[in-house]
C-alpha atoms as a PDB file:
ATOM      1  CA  MET A   1      -1.470  -4.490   3.218  1.00  0.00           C
ATOM      2  CA  LYS A   2       1.471  -4.176   5.075  1.00  0.00           C
ATOM      3  CA  ASN A   3       0.855  -7.387   6.884  1.00  0.00           C
ATOM      4  CA  ILE A   4       0.840  -9.486   3.792  1.00  0.00           C
ATOM      5  CA  LEU A   5       3.892  -7.630   2.671  1.00  0.00           C
ATOM      6  CA  LEU A   6       6.094  -8.572   5.842  1.00  0.00           C
ATOM      7  CA  GLY A   7       4.740 -11.974   5.420  1.00  0.00           C
ATOM      8  CA  ILE A   8       6.073 -12.173   1.688  1.00  0.00           C
ATOM      9  CA  ASN A   9       9.106 -10.715   2.482  1.00  0.00           C
ATOM     10  CA  ILE A  10       9.722 -13.017   5.775  1.00  0.00           C
ATOM     11  CA  VAL A  11       9.402 -15.835   3.672  1.00  0.00           C
ATOM     12  CA  LEU A  12      11.734 -14.746   1.196  1.00  0.00           C
ATOM     13  CA  LEU A  13      14.425 -13.721   3.942  1.00  0.00           C
ATOM     14  CA  VAL A  14      13.964 -17.371   4.828  1.00  0.00           C
ATOM     15  CA  LEU A  15      14.433 -18.759   1.048  1.00  0.00           C
ATOM     16  CA  VAL A  16      18.001 -16.453   0.974  1.00  0.00           C
ATOM     17  CA  GLY A  17      18.811 -18.182   4.050  1.00  0.00           C
ATOM     18  CA  TYR A  18      18.056 -21.302   3.050  1.00  0.00           C
ATOM     19  CA  LEU A  19      20.061 -20.582  -0.540  1.00  0.00           C
ATOM     20  CA  TYR A  20      23.001 -19.100   1.896  1.00  0.00           C
ATOM     21  CA  TYR A  21      22.977 -22.483   3.589  1.00  0.00           C
ATOM     22  CA  LEU A  22      23.511 -24.400   0.405  1.00  0.00           C
ATOM     23  CA  HIS A  23      25.925 -22.383  -0.873  1.00  0.00           C
ATOM     24  CA  PHE A  24      28.429 -23.081   2.309  1.00  0.00           C
ATOM     25  CA  HIS A  25      27.696 -26.623   2.681  1.00  0.00           C
ATOM     26  CA  LYS A  26      28.503 -27.970  -0.980  1.00  0.00           C
ATOM     27  CA  GLU A  27      31.409 -28.610  -2.202  1.00  0.00           C
ATOM     28  CA  LYS A  28      33.643 -25.394  -2.697  1.00  0.00           C
ATOM     29  CA  ASN A  29      33.523 -25.297  -6.284  1.00  0.00           C
ATOM     30  CA  HIS A  30      29.583 -25.233  -6.526  1.00  0.00           C
ATOM     31  CA  THR A  31      28.212 -21.729  -6.660  1.00  0.00           C
ATOM     32  CA  ILE A  32      25.027 -20.726  -5.932  1.00  0.00           C
ATOM     33  CA  GLN A  33      23.897 -20.566  -9.441  1.00  0.00           C
ATOM     34  CA  GLU A  34      25.419 -24.275 -10.132  1.00  0.00           C
ATOM     35  CA  VAL A  35      23.140 -25.483  -7.006  1.00  0.00           C
ATOM     36  CA  ARG A  36      19.999 -23.666  -8.952  1.00  0.00           C
ATOM     37  CA  THR A  37      20.775 -24.936 -12.270  1.00  0.00           C
ATOM     38  CA  ASN A  38      21.706 -28.867 -11.075  1.00  0.00           C
ATOM     39  CA  SER A  39      18.312 -29.087  -9.116  1.00  0.00           C
ATOM     40  CA  ALA A  40      16.554 -32.155 -10.180  1.00  0.00           C
ATOM     41  CA  ASP A  41      13.307 -30.028  -9.832  1.00  0.00           C
ATOM     42  CA  ASN A  42      14.774 -27.125 -11.980  1.00  0.00           C
ATOM     43  CA  PRO A  43      16.863 -29.368 -14.676  1.00  0.00           C
ATOM     44  CA  GLU A  44      16.722 -26.538 -17.494  1.00  0.00           C
ATOM     45  CA  GLY A  45      18.306 -24.033 -14.804  1.00  0.00           C
ATOM     46  CA  LYS A  46      15.456 -21.794 -14.959  1.00  0.00           C
ATOM     47  CA  SER A  47      15.313 -19.609 -12.167  1.00  0.00           C
ATOM     48  CA  LYS A  48      12.410 -20.671 -10.000  1.00  0.00           C
ATOM     49  CA  VAL A  49      12.077 -17.356  -7.925  1.00  0.00           C
ATOM     50  CA  ALA A  50      11.283 -13.643  -9.115  1.00  0.00           C
ATOM     51  CA  TYR A  51      10.826 -10.492  -7.517  1.00  0.00           C
ATOM     52  CA  ILE A  52       8.693  -7.454  -8.340  1.00  0.00           C
ATOM     53  CA  ASP A  53      10.097  -3.817  -6.979  1.00  0.00           C
ATOM     54  CA  LEU A  54       7.018  -2.321  -5.792  1.00  0.00           C
ATOM     55  CA  ASP A  55       8.239   1.155  -5.734  1.00  0.00           C
ATOM     56  CA  SER A  56       8.950   0.972  -9.379  1.00  0.00           C
ATOM     57  CA  LEU A  57       5.487  -0.323  -9.941  1.00  0.00           C
ATOM     58  CA  GLN A  58       3.540   2.502  -8.139  1.00  0.00           C
ATOM     59  CA  ASN A  59       5.872   4.527  -9.912  1.00  0.00           C
ATOM     60  CA  SER A  60       5.133   3.343 -13.548  1.00  0.00           C
ATOM     61  CA  TYR A  61       1.708   1.263 -13.887  1.00  0.00           C
ATOM     62  CA  GLY A  62      -1.073   3.893 -14.606  1.00  0.00           C
ATOM     63  CA  TYR A  63      -4.278   2.209 -12.920  1.00  0.00           C
ATOM     64  CA  TYR A  64      -2.397   2.380  -9.456  1.00  0.00           C
ATOM     65  CA  LYS A  65      -1.349   6.308 -10.165  1.00  0.00           C
ATOM     66  CA  LYS A  66      -4.885   6.953 -11.335  1.00  0.00           C
ATOM     67  CA  LEU A  67      -6.102   5.327  -8.224  1.00  0.00           C
ATOM     68  CA  LYS A  68      -3.449   7.066  -6.123  1.00  0.00           C
ATOM     69  CA  GLU A  69      -4.431  10.440  -7.761  1.00  0.00           C
ATOM     70  CA  ASP A  70      -8.401  10.061  -6.888  1.00  0.00           C
ATOM     71  CA  PHE A  71      -7.816   8.727  -3.338  1.00  0.00           C
ATOM     72  CA  GLU A  72      -5.081  12.276  -2.628  1.00  0.00           C
ATOM     73  CA  ARG A  73      -7.888  14.052  -4.131  1.00  0.00           C
ATOM     74  CA  LYS A  74     -10.503  12.840  -2.037  1.00  0.00           C
ATOM     75  CA  GLN A  75      -8.296  13.157   0.957  1.00  0.00           C
ATOM     76  CA  ALA A  76      -7.630  17.264   0.414  1.00  0.00           C
ATOM     77  CA  SER A  77     -11.296  17.704  -0.231  1.00  0.00           C
ATOM     78  CA  ALA A  78     -11.864  15.976   3.180  1.00  0.00           C
ATOM     79  CA  ASN A  79      -8.853  18.057   4.738  1.00  0.00           C
ATOM     80  CA  ASP A  80     -10.620  20.849   3.550  1.00  0.00           C
ATOM     81  CA  GLN A  81     -14.254  20.148   5.160  1.00  0.00           C
ATOM     82  CA  ILE A  82     -12.258  19.431   8.401  1.00  0.00           C
ATOM     83  CA  THR A  83     -10.788  22.911   8.213  1.00  0.00           C
ATOM     84  CA  ALA A  84     -14.226  24.322   7.183  1.00  0.00           C
ATOM     85  CA  LEU A  85     -15.677  23.068  10.524  1.00  0.00           C
ATOM     86  CA  GLN A  86     -13.143  23.806  12.712  1.00  0.00           C
ATOM     87  CA  LYS A  87     -13.128  27.705  11.813  1.00  0.00           C
ATOM     88  CA  LYS A  88     -17.160  27.653  11.848  1.00  0.00           C
ATOM     89  CA  TYR A  89     -16.616  25.820  15.705  1.00  0.00           C
ATOM     90  CA  GLN A  90     -13.812  28.681  16.454  1.00  0.00           C
ATOM     91  CA  ASN A  91     -15.784  31.436  15.139  1.00  0.00           C
ATOM     92  CA  ARG A  92     -18.880  30.847  17.039  1.00  0.00           C
ATOM     93  CA  ALA A  93     -17.175  29.804  20.310  1.00  0.00           C
ATOM     94  CA  MET A  94     -15.668  32.926  19.894  1.00  0.00           C
ATOM     95  CA  GLN A  95     -18.969  34.843  19.503  1.00  0.00           C
ATOM     96  CA  LEU A  96     -20.133  33.408  22.629  1.00  0.00           C
ATOM     97  CA  GLN A  97     -17.140  33.994  24.454  1.00  0.00           C
ATOM     98  CA  GLN A  98     -17.422  37.814  23.522  1.00  0.00           C
ATOM     99  CA  LYS A  99     -21.196  37.469  24.792  1.00  0.00           C
ATOM    100  CA  ALA A 100     -20.494  35.787  27.463  1.00  0.00           C
ATOM    101  CA  ALA A 101     -20.052  38.761  29.981  1.00  0.00           C
ATOM    102  CA  THR A 102     -23.540  40.359  29.316  1.00  0.00           C
ATOM    103  CA  MET A 103     -25.310  36.626  29.467  1.00  0.00           C
ATOM    104  CA  ASN A 104     -27.162  35.393  32.142  1.00  0.00           C
ATOM    105  CA  GLN A 105     -26.801  31.925  33.498  1.00  0.00           C
ATOM    106  CA  LYS A 106     -29.298  30.434  31.176  1.00  0.00           C
ATOM    107  CA  GLU A 107     -27.951  31.942  28.557  1.00  0.00           C
ATOM    108  CA  GLN A 108     -24.274  30.903  29.410  1.00  0.00           C
ATOM    109  CA  GLU A 109     -25.284  27.028  29.982  1.00  0.00           C
ATOM    110  CA  ALA A 110     -27.363  26.951  26.623  1.00  0.00           C
ATOM    111  CA  ALA A 111     -24.219  28.512  25.266  1.00  0.00           C
ATOM    112  CA  MET A 112     -21.774  25.689  26.889  1.00  0.00           C
ATOM    113  CA  GLN A 113     -24.090  23.525  25.388  1.00  0.00           C
ATOM    114  CA  GLU A 114     -23.996  24.898  21.661  1.00  0.00           C
ATOM    115  CA  ILE A 115     -20.089  24.665  22.161  1.00  0.00           C
ATOM    116  CA  ASN A 116     -19.966  21.321  23.369  1.00  0.00           C
ATOM    117  CA  LYS A 117     -22.346  19.595  20.659  1.00  0.00           C
ATOM    118  CA  MET A 118     -20.592  21.821  18.171  1.00  0.00           C
ATOM    119  CA  GLN A 119     -17.186  20.230  19.406  1.00  0.00           C
ATOM    120  CA  GLN A 120     -19.084  16.540  19.299  1.00  0.00           C
ATOM    121  CA  ASP A 121     -20.390  16.915  16.211  1.00  0.00           C
ATOM    122  CA  LEU A 122     -16.828  18.314  14.713  1.00  0.00           C
ATOM    123  CA  GLN A 123     -15.082  15.373  16.191  1.00  0.00           C
ATOM    124  CA  ALA A 124     -17.797  12.727  14.852  1.00  0.00           C
ATOM    125  CA  ARG A 125     -17.609  14.042  11.445  1.00  0.00           C
ATOM    126  CA  LYS A 126     -13.725  14.091  11.899  1.00  0.00           C
ATOM    127  CA  GLN A 127     -14.052  10.334  12.801  1.00  0.00           C
ATOM    128  CA  SER A 128     -16.551   9.581   9.951  1.00  0.00           C
ATOM    129  CA  ILE A 129     -14.255  10.923   7.287  1.00  0.00           C
ATOM    130  CA  ASP A 130     -11.173   9.188   8.660  1.00  0.00           C
ATOM    131  CA  ASN A 131     -13.192   5.774   8.382  1.00  0.00           C
ATOM    132  CA  GLU A 132     -14.284   6.601   4.864  1.00  0.00           C
ATOM    133  CA  LEU A 133     -10.806   7.384   4.100  1.00  0.00           C
ATOM    134  CA  TYR A 134      -9.286   4.520   5.726  1.00  0.00           C
ATOM    135  CA  ASN A 135     -11.931   2.201   3.595  1.00  0.00           C
ATOM    136  CA  ASP A 136     -11.307   3.697   0.631  1.00  0.00           C
ATOM    137  CA  ASN A 137      -7.508   3.050   0.840  1.00  0.00           C
ATOM    138  CA  SER A 138      -8.055  -0.651   2.098  1.00  0.00           C
ATOM    139  CA  LYS A 139     -10.107  -1.072  -1.359  1.00  0.00           C
ATOM    140  CA  MET A 140      -7.757   0.596  -3.389  1.00  0.00           C
ATOM    141  CA  LYS A 141      -4.752  -1.588  -2.173  1.00  0.00           C
ATOM    142  CA  GLU A 142      -7.083  -4.847  -2.026  1.00  0.00           C
ATOM    143  CA  ASP A 143      -7.850  -4.150  -5.633  1.00  0.00           C
ATOM    144  CA  ILE A 144      -4.678  -3.380  -6.939  1.00  0.00           C
ATOM    145  CA  LEU A 145      -3.179  -6.431  -5.103  1.00  0.00           C
ATOM    146  CA  MET A 146      -5.861  -8.753  -6.744  1.00  0.00           C
ATOM    147  CA  ARG A 147      -5.090  -7.374 -10.382  1.00  0.00           C
ATOM    148  CA  ILE A 148      -1.110  -8.004  -9.774  1.00  0.00           C
ATOM    149  CA  GLN A 149      -2.196 -11.418  -8.745  1.00  0.00           C
ATOM    150  CA  SER A 150      -4.514 -12.337 -11.516  1.00  0.00           C
ATOM    151  CA  PHE A 151      -1.749 -11.123 -13.940  1.00  0.00           C
ATOM    152  CA  LEU A 152       0.767 -12.977 -12.213  1.00  0.00           C
ATOM    153  CA  LYS A 153      -1.040 -16.147 -12.692  1.00  0.00           C
ATOM    154  CA  ASP A 154      -1.563 -15.857 -16.134  1.00  0.00           C
ATOM    155  CA  TYR A 155       2.077 -14.278 -16.496  1.00  0.00           C
ATOM    156  CA  ASN A 156       3.576 -17.413 -14.855  1.00  0.00           C
ATOM    157  CA  LYS A 157       1.365 -20.471 -16.435  1.00  0.00           C
ATOM    158  CA  ASP A 158       4.007 -21.636 -17.720  1.00  0.00           C
ATOM    159  CA  GLY A 159       5.486 -22.569 -14.193  1.00  0.00           C
ATOM    160  CA  LYS A 160       8.512 -20.702 -14.593  1.00  0.00           C
ATOM    161  CA  TYR A 161       8.671 -19.303 -11.496  1.00  0.00           C
ATOM    162  CA  SER A 162       7.644 -21.061  -7.780  1.00  0.00           C
ATOM    163  CA  TYR A 163       7.809 -17.705  -5.668  1.00  0.00           C
ATOM    164  CA  ILE A 164       7.260 -14.281  -7.031  1.00  0.00           C
ATOM    165  CA  PHE A 165       8.120 -11.854  -4.156  1.00  0.00           C
ATOM    166  CA  SER A 166       7.642  -8.203  -3.804  1.00  0.00           C
ATOM    167  CA  TYR A 167      10.665  -6.046  -3.170  1.00  0.00           C
ATOM    168  CA  GLU A 168      10.403  -3.027  -0.707  1.00  0.00           C
ATOM    169  CA  PRO A 169      13.911  -0.613  -0.427  1.00  0.00           C
ATOM    170  CA  GLY A 170      15.315  -1.328   3.343  1.00  0.00           C
ATOM    171  CA  PHE A 171      14.338  -5.018   3.699  1.00  0.00           C
ATOM    172  CA  MET A 172      16.804  -6.988   1.751  1.00  0.00           C
ATOM    173  CA  PHE A 173      20.678  -6.149   1.730  1.00  0.00           C
ATOM    174  CA  TYR A 174      20.986  -7.888  -1.596  1.00  0.00           C
ATOM    175  CA  LYS A 175      19.169  -8.585  -4.393  1.00  0.00           C
ATOM    176  CA  ASP A 176      19.875 -10.578  -8.159  1.00  0.00           C
ATOM    177  CA  SER A 177      18.954  -7.765 -10.530  1.00  0.00           C
ATOM    178  CA  THR A 178      18.839 -11.152 -12.873  1.00  0.00           C
ATOM    179  CA  LEU A 179      15.476 -12.111 -10.895  1.00  0.00           C
ATOM    180  CA  ASN A 180      13.835  -8.487 -11.415  1.00  0.00           C
ATOM    181  CA  ILE A 181      10.592  -8.965 -13.441  1.00  0.00           C
ATOM    182  CA  THR A 182       9.409  -5.440 -12.575  1.00  0.00           C
ATOM    183  CA  PRO A 183       9.497  -4.393 -16.432  1.00  0.00           C
ATOM    184  CA  ASP A 184       7.821  -7.032 -17.636  1.00  0.00           C
ATOM    185  CA  VAL A 185       5.008  -6.813 -15.129  1.00  0.00           C
ATOM    186  CA  ILE A 186       4.209  -3.167 -15.402  1.00  0.00           C
ATOM    187  CA  ALA A 187       4.464  -3.564 -19.180  1.00  0.00           C
ATOM    188  CA  GLY A 188       1.995  -6.341 -18.960  1.00  0.00           C
ATOM    189  CA  LEU A 189      -0.602  -4.561 -16.352  1.00  0.00           C
ATOM    190  CA  ASN A 190      -0.553  -1.268 -18.534  1.00  0.00           C
ATOM    191  CA  GLU A 191      -1.301  -2.903 -21.899  1.00  0.00           C
ATOM    192  CA  LEU A 192      -3.886  -5.229 -19.978  1.00  0.00           C
ATOM    193  CA  ASP A 193      -5.655  -2.198 -18.994  1.00  0.00           C
ATOM    194  CA  SER A 194      -5.568  -0.077 -22.146  1.00  0.00           C
ATOM    195  CA  SER A 195      -6.934  -3.122 -23.709  1.00  0.00           C
ATOM    196  CA  ASN A 196      -9.615  -3.552 -21.329  1.00  0.00           C
ATOM    197  CA  LYS A 197     -10.487   0.013 -22.084  1.00  0.00           C
ATOM    198  CA  LYS A 198     -11.232  -0.464 -25.503  1.00  0.00           C
END
C-alpha cells in the first residue's frame, strides 16, 4: 500500500513540476489557471486533477473505521496471547531453575530441553500471530483500496478528472483546496455502504 501511495505521490509531484514549468514558460500575463482553462483538451476549463485527503478519509469513512476497530481488537487479543505465553514460559523456567540444585544430570538435561522447546514454541507462535496480523492488515488495505477505486470509477464516469491522487501530509508543500474532492468521496462511500446494508 505504501509503495502504491508513494508511486501516486511521485506522479503527482511530476505533474506539479510540469505545471510549474508551464507557468514560467508562458507569457507573463498567463496564470496556471489560464493555462488550465485554455487547454485544447479541456475547453470548458474544468480541472483535470483532483485529490483525496487520506487522513480525512480514514477519520470519516465508516467502513474503514469499522475494519480498523476490528483489526485493533485482533491485535490486542494477539498481544494478550503472546503475553500469556511469555508469562507461562517465564514461570516454568523459574520453577526449573529453583529445582536445578536438587536435580541430577539427566533431570537437568530434560529441564533444559523443556525450556528450549517452550522458547521455540513461543517464538513460532509469535511469528505465526505476526504473519496472521500482517495478512489481515494487507487484506483490509486492499479491500479499502478496491472500494475507493470502484467508487471513483463511477464518480468520474463523466471523465471530469484525468487524475485523482491521494494526499498525505508532509509530501506536498502546497495544494489547491478547490481540487479537494474528499468530502464528496466520503459522503459517496458512506452512502454506498449504508445502501448495501439494506
